[in-house]
Amino acid sequence: MAGSSKKAIYAALAGNTLIAVTKFFAAGVSGSSAMFSEAIHSLVDTGNQILLLYGLKAAERPADEQFPFGHGKEIYFWSFVVAMLIFALGSGISLYQGWQRLGHPEPISNIGLNFAVLGIAMVFEGGALMIALREFGRHKGSLGFFEAVRQGKDPTIFVVVFEDTAAMLGLLVAMVGLGLYQLTGNPFFDGAASMLIGVILGITAAWLAYESKSLLIGESAVPETVAAIRGVLEADERIVSINEVATLHMGPAYIIVTISVDFVDGIDSSELEGAVTEINDAVKRLDPAIQRVFIEAERNVNYQEDSGDPPVEPQ
């Protein structure tokens, strides 16, 4: 999963770096507010890809004494930071630039250069978006787009999709704004395009922040995985009842499972230990992401206290 995530990020990073340089050049030559907003957008996206790559690298650090469950949530934190940067820098500067242009309209020169740069940017952004959508499609399976985003545990995939989609929409808006300016000679359309780009970025940032926040707080595994865990427990004749099955993603590929069950009466400590080990192994076989399983034997604890046997530690 990390490899495919990096593939989409590297593609977006290469495209945005080249696009940002050309957009700043065109904005400086022409004085277009919409082009300047697009240049800021590409610059922010370039920085965001660097942060995502750093997050992926940091998330790979092994567990230690301070972080016994590893650093997998690093990628959730940096995805949230990316959302904040899109909002604060991309959206904020675009809105401000557009508002300034509406209040102090100025003529735009070299319209042809602007259209050429926007056309080249659309080619680069379109290629990056196709790569991101292909990787996203591989991971979403039969789920719809919005459901896949909601259930997705690797934010790097949908962050890049969101960024590239917002970039394509921004380019279209900038092109329409400049086209209307060329037809009418009214600089209002250039400023309005800049503000609309800011709105697009603000909506994108809000959605990314919402999804990243949910992962950062701690989402459970997908319903199918939880149901499969319950299926293993229900099929075990040594279990009388299931009190609780709780799961938590500590990273895109790191799930912690806690289970509370009642075992049949009369099972001794050695049999209980064997049952816990077997259930632990069976649950881990369900999904490679399940790395830690803790099993609490409620009813058998009472039996052990009556029999004098020591309690069984969670596995």
Foldseek 3Di string as FASTA:
>chain_A
DLVLLLVLLVLLLVLLVVLLVLLVVQCVQWVFLLSVLLSQLSVLSNVLSVLLVVLSVQQPDAADPVRNQGQQLSNLVSLLVSLVSLQVRNLVSLQVSLVVCLVPPDGTPDLVSVVVSLVVSLVSLVVSLVSLVVSLCVPQDPDDPVVCLQQAQRLSSVLSNLSSVLSNVSSVLQNVLSVVCVVPVDSNSSSVSSNVSSVSSNVSSVVSNVSSVCLSVWDFHPPVLQVVLVVLQVPDPQFDFWDDWTWTDSHNQAIEIETETEGDPPQDPVNVVVVLVVSQVVSCVSGVSYDHYFYHHPNVVVVCVVVVHDDDGTD
